[in-house]
Amino acid sequence: MNIDQAQPIISKQLASKRTPFGRQINDVAIEALNATLQDTANNGSDAVQCKSCGFVISILLTETGCPNCGVEELTTNINE
């Protein structure tokens, strides 16, 4: 799934401040969500989901792991 396809999930996370797994989203992760939505030039890039907290974000913002919980296990197989 690319960022364009994941936009409904990303927008829902931003509005609810919760991941699809129901975990709370921290301030750093909220900034990452805003950056993902604003970076329309990279909408074709992969979106990834953290295997621990369920956070969905652009793969371009996960160099050091999940921006929400820090776990490095991410997958492109996204579950809502």
N, C-alpha and C. Protein backbone atom coordinates (compact mmCIF):
# COMPACT_ATOMS: atom_id res chain seq x y z
N MET A 1 0.86 -1.17 0.00
CA MET A 1 0.00 0.00 0.00
C MET A 1 0.90 1.23 0.00
N ASN A 2 0.55 2.19 -0.86
CA ASN A 2 1.34 3.42 -0.87
C ASN A 2 0.65 4.48 0.00
N ILE A 3 1.32 5.61 0.16
CA ILE A 3 0.82 6.67 1.04
C ILE A 3 -0.54 7.18 0.56
N ASP A 4 -0.69 7.32 -0.75
CA ASP A 4 -1.96 7.80 -1.29
C ASP A 4 -3.11 6.87 -0.88
N GLN A 5 -2.90 5.57 -0.95
CA GLN A 5 -3.92 4.59 -0.56
C GLN A 5 -4.15 4.59 0.95
N ALA A 6 -3.12 4.90 1.71
CA ALA A 6 -3.20 4.87 3.18
C ALA A 6 -3.70 6.19 3.78
N GLN A 7 -3.93 7.20 2.95
CA GLN A 7 -4.34 8.51 3.47
C GLN A 7 -5.57 8.46 4.37
N PRO A 8 -6.60 7.66 4.06
CA PRO A 8 -7.73 7.60 4.99
C PRO A 8 -7.33 7.11 6.39
N ILE A 9 -6.44 6.14 6.45
CA ILE A 9 -5.97 5.62 7.74
C ILE A 9 -5.15 6.68 8.46
N ILE A 10 -4.26 7.33 7.72
CA ILE A 10 -3.39 8.36 8.29
C ILE A 10 -4.23 9.52 8.83
N SER A 11 -5.23 9.95 8.05
CA SER A 11 -6.11 11.04 8.49
C SER A 11 -6.92 10.65 9.72
N LYS A 12 -7.37 9.41 9.76
CA LYS A 12 -8.14 8.92 10.91
C LYS A 12 -7.27 8.90 12.18
N GLN A 13 -6.01 8.50 12.02
CA GLN A 13 -5.09 8.50 13.16
C GLN A 13 -4.89 9.92 13.69
N LEU A 14 -4.74 10.87 12.77
CA LEU A 14 -4.52 12.26 13.15
C LEU A 14 -5.74 12.82 13.89
N ALA A 15 -6.93 12.51 13.40
CA ALA A 15 -8.16 13.01 14.02
C ALA A 15 -8.41 12.39 15.40
N SER A 16 -8.16 11.09 15.52
CA SER A 16 -8.47 10.38 16.77
C SER A 16 -7.31 10.34 17.76
N LYS A 17 -6.08 10.63 17.25
CA LYS A 17 -4.86 10.51 18.04
C LYS A 17 -4.69 9.09 18.59
N ARG A 18 -5.12 8.13 17.78
CA ARG A 18 -5.02 6.70 18.09
C ARG A 18 -4.57 5.95 16.85
N THR A 19 -3.83 4.86 17.06
CA THR A 19 -3.43 4.00 15.95
C THR A 19 -4.60 3.09 15.61
N PRO A 20 -4.54 2.38 14.46
CA PRO A 20 -5.58 1.41 14.16
C PRO A 20 -5.72 0.31 15.22
N PHE A 21 -4.68 0.10 16.03
CA PHE A 21 -4.72 -0.87 17.12
C PHE A 21 -5.30 -0.26 18.40
N GLY A 22 -5.63 1.05 18.36
CA GLY A 22 -6.22 1.72 19.52
C GLY A 22 -5.22 2.34 20.47
N ARG A 23 -3.94 2.27 20.14
CA ARG A 23 -2.91 2.84 21.01
C ARG A 23 -2.84 4.35 20.82
N GLN A 24 -2.54 5.09 21.88
CA GLN A 24 -2.42 6.53 21.84
C GLN A 24 -1.21 6.95 21.00
N ILE A 25 -1.33 8.08 20.29
CA ILE A 25 -0.25 8.59 19.45
C ILE A 25 0.41 9.78 20.14
N ASN A 26 1.75 9.76 20.21
CA ASN A 26 2.49 10.84 20.87
C ASN A 26 2.67 12.05 19.95
N ASP A 27 3.20 13.14 20.49
CA ASP A 27 3.36 14.40 19.75
C ASP A 27 4.32 14.28 18.57
N VAL A 28 5.39 13.52 18.72
CA VAL A 28 6.34 13.33 17.62
C VAL A 28 5.65 12.61 16.46
N ALA A 29 4.85 11.62 16.78
CA ALA A 29 4.14 10.87 15.75
C ALA A 29 3.08 11.74 15.06
N ILE A 30 2.45 12.62 15.79
CA ILE A 30 1.47 13.54 15.18
C ILE A 30 2.17 14.45 14.17
N GLU A 31 3.36 14.93 14.52
CA GLU A 31 4.14 15.74 13.58
C GLU A 31 4.49 14.93 12.34
N ALA A 32 4.81 13.65 12.52
CA ALA A 32 5.13 12.79 11.38
C ALA A 32 3.90 12.57 10.50
N LEU A 33 2.73 12.44 11.11
CA LEU A 33 1.50 12.30 10.32
C LEU A 33 1.25 13.55 9.49
N ASN A 34 1.40 14.71 10.10
CA ASN A 34 1.22 15.97 9.38
C ASN A 34 2.22 16.08 8.22
N ALA A 35 3.46 15.70 8.47
CA ALA A 35 4.49 15.75 7.42
C ALA A 35 4.14 14.80 6.28
N THR A 36 3.63 13.64 6.60
CA THR A 36 3.24 12.67 5.57
C THR A 36 2.13 13.22 4.69
N LEU A 37 1.13 13.82 5.30
CA LEU A 37 0.00 14.36 4.54
C LEU A 37 0.40 15.58 3.71
N GLN A 38 1.35 16.35 4.18
CA GLN A 38 1.78 17.55 3.46
C GLN A 38 2.75 17.25 2.32
N ASP A 39 3.43 16.13 2.38
CA ASP A 39 4.44 15.77 1.38
C ASP A 39 3.79 15.04 0.21
N THR A 40 3.02 15.76 -0.58
CA THR A 40 2.27 15.14 -1.69
C THR A 40 3.18 14.64 -2.81
N ALA A 41 4.40 15.12 -2.88
CA ALA A 41 5.34 14.66 -3.92
C ALA A 41 5.72 13.19 -3.73
N ASN A 42 5.56 12.67 -2.52
CA ASN A 42 5.95 11.28 -2.23
C ASN A 42 4.76 10.37 -1.98
N ASN A 43 3.59 10.72 -2.49
CA ASN A 43 2.40 9.90 -2.26
C ASN A 43 2.51 8.49 -2.84
N GLY A 44 3.43 8.29 -3.78
CA GLY A 44 3.64 6.96 -4.35
C GLY A 44 4.56 6.09 -3.51
N SER A 45 5.19 6.65 -2.49
CA SER A 45 6.09 5.87 -1.61
C SER A 45 5.27 4.91 -0.75
N ASP A 46 5.95 3.90 -0.25
CA ASP A 46 5.28 2.92 0.60
C ASP A 46 4.84 3.51 1.93
N ALA A 47 3.71 3.04 2.39
CA ALA A 47 3.28 3.28 3.76
C ALA A 47 3.62 2.02 4.55
N VAL A 48 3.96 2.18 5.81
CA VAL A 48 4.29 1.03 6.66
C VAL A 48 3.48 1.10 7.95
N GLN A 49 3.35 -0.07 8.57
CA GLN A 49 2.65 -0.17 9.85
C GLN A 49 3.58 -0.81 10.87
N CYS A 50 3.61 -0.20 12.05
CA CYS A 50 4.40 -0.75 13.15
C CYS A 50 3.74 -2.04 13.63
N LYS A 51 4.53 -3.09 13.79
CA LYS A 51 3.99 -4.36 14.25
C LYS A 51 3.63 -4.33 15.73
N SER A 52 4.14 -3.36 16.47
CA SER A 52 3.87 -3.28 17.90
C SER A 52 2.63 -2.44 18.20
N CYS A 53 2.65 -1.16 17.79
CA CYS A 53 1.56 -0.26 18.17
C CYS A 53 0.52 -0.06 17.06
N GLY A 54 0.85 -0.47 15.82
CA GLY A 54 -0.08 -0.34 14.71
C GLY A 54 -0.03 0.97 13.97
N PHE A 55 0.88 1.85 14.35
CA PHE A 55 0.99 3.18 13.73
C PHE A 55 1.28 3.06 12.24
N VAL A 56 0.55 3.78 11.40
CA VAL A 56 0.73 3.78 9.95
C VAL A 56 1.34 5.11 9.53
N ILE A 57 2.43 5.05 8.76
CA ILE A 57 3.17 6.25 8.40
C ILE A 57 3.97 6.00 7.13
N SER A 58 4.50 7.06 6.53
CA SER A 58 5.36 6.94 5.37
C SER A 58 6.65 6.22 5.74
N ILE A 59 7.10 5.35 4.87
CA ILE A 59 8.36 4.65 5.10
C ILE A 59 9.53 5.65 5.15
N LEU A 60 9.36 6.80 4.53
CA LEU A 60 10.41 7.82 4.50
C LEU A 60 10.68 8.43 5.87
N LEU A 61 9.77 8.24 6.83
CA LEU A 61 9.92 8.83 8.16
C LEU A 61 10.21 7.78 9.24
N THR A 62 10.71 6.63 8.82
CA THR A 62 10.92 5.54 9.79
C THR A 62 12.37 5.07 9.83
N GLU A 63 13.29 5.94 9.54
CA GLU A 63 14.71 5.56 9.52
C GLU A 63 15.17 4.98 10.86
N THR A 64 14.65 5.50 11.95
CA THR A 64 15.05 5.02 13.28
C THR A 64 13.95 4.19 13.94
N GLY A 65 13.00 3.71 13.16
CA GLY A 65 11.91 2.91 13.70
C GLY A 65 10.61 3.69 13.75
N CYS A 66 9.66 3.15 14.44
CA CYS A 66 8.34 3.76 14.55
C CYS A 66 8.43 5.09 15.29
N PRO A 67 7.91 6.18 14.70
CA PRO A 67 7.94 7.47 15.39
C PRO A 67 7.06 7.50 16.65
N ASN A 68 6.17 6.54 16.77
CA ASN A 68 5.27 6.52 17.93
C ASN A 68 5.83 5.73 19.10
N CYS A 69 6.38 4.55 18.84
CA CYS A 69 6.84 3.71 19.96
C CYS A 69 8.31 3.31 19.88
N GLY A 70 8.96 3.57 18.73
CA GLY A 70 10.38 3.28 18.59
C GLY A 70 10.73 1.88 18.12
N VAL A 71 9.76 1.00 18.02
CA VAL A 71 10.02 -0.36 17.56
C VAL A 71 10.48 -0.33 16.11
N GLU A 72 11.42 -1.18 15.77
CA GLU A 72 11.98 -1.20 14.41
C GLU A 72 11.31 -2.21 13.49
N GLU A 73 10.37 -2.99 14.00
CA GLU A 73 9.67 -3.97 13.17
C GLU A 73 8.48 -3.31 12.51
N LEU A 74 8.62 -3.06 11.19
CA LEU A 74 7.57 -2.41 10.41
C LEU A 74 7.22 -3.31 9.24
N THR A 75 5.99 -3.20 8.75
CA THR A 75 5.55 -4.01 7.63
C THR A 75 4.77 -3.17 6.65
N THR A 76 4.82 -3.56 5.38
CA THR A 76 4.01 -2.90 4.35
C THR A 76 2.64 -3.57 4.24
N ASN A 77 2.43 -4.65 4.97
CA ASN A 77 1.14 -5.35 5.01
C ASN A 77 0.27 -4.67 6.08
N ILE A 78 -0.50 -3.68 5.67
CA ILE A 78 -1.23 -2.83 6.61
C ILE A 78 -2.62 -3.36 6.91
N ASN A 79 -2.92 -3.47 8.21
CA ASN A 79 -4.24 -3.88 8.69
C ASN A 79 -4.89 -2.70 9.39
N GLU A 80 -6.15 -2.44 9.04
CA GLU A 80 -6.84 -1.32 9.70
C GLU A 80 -7.36 -1.73 11.05
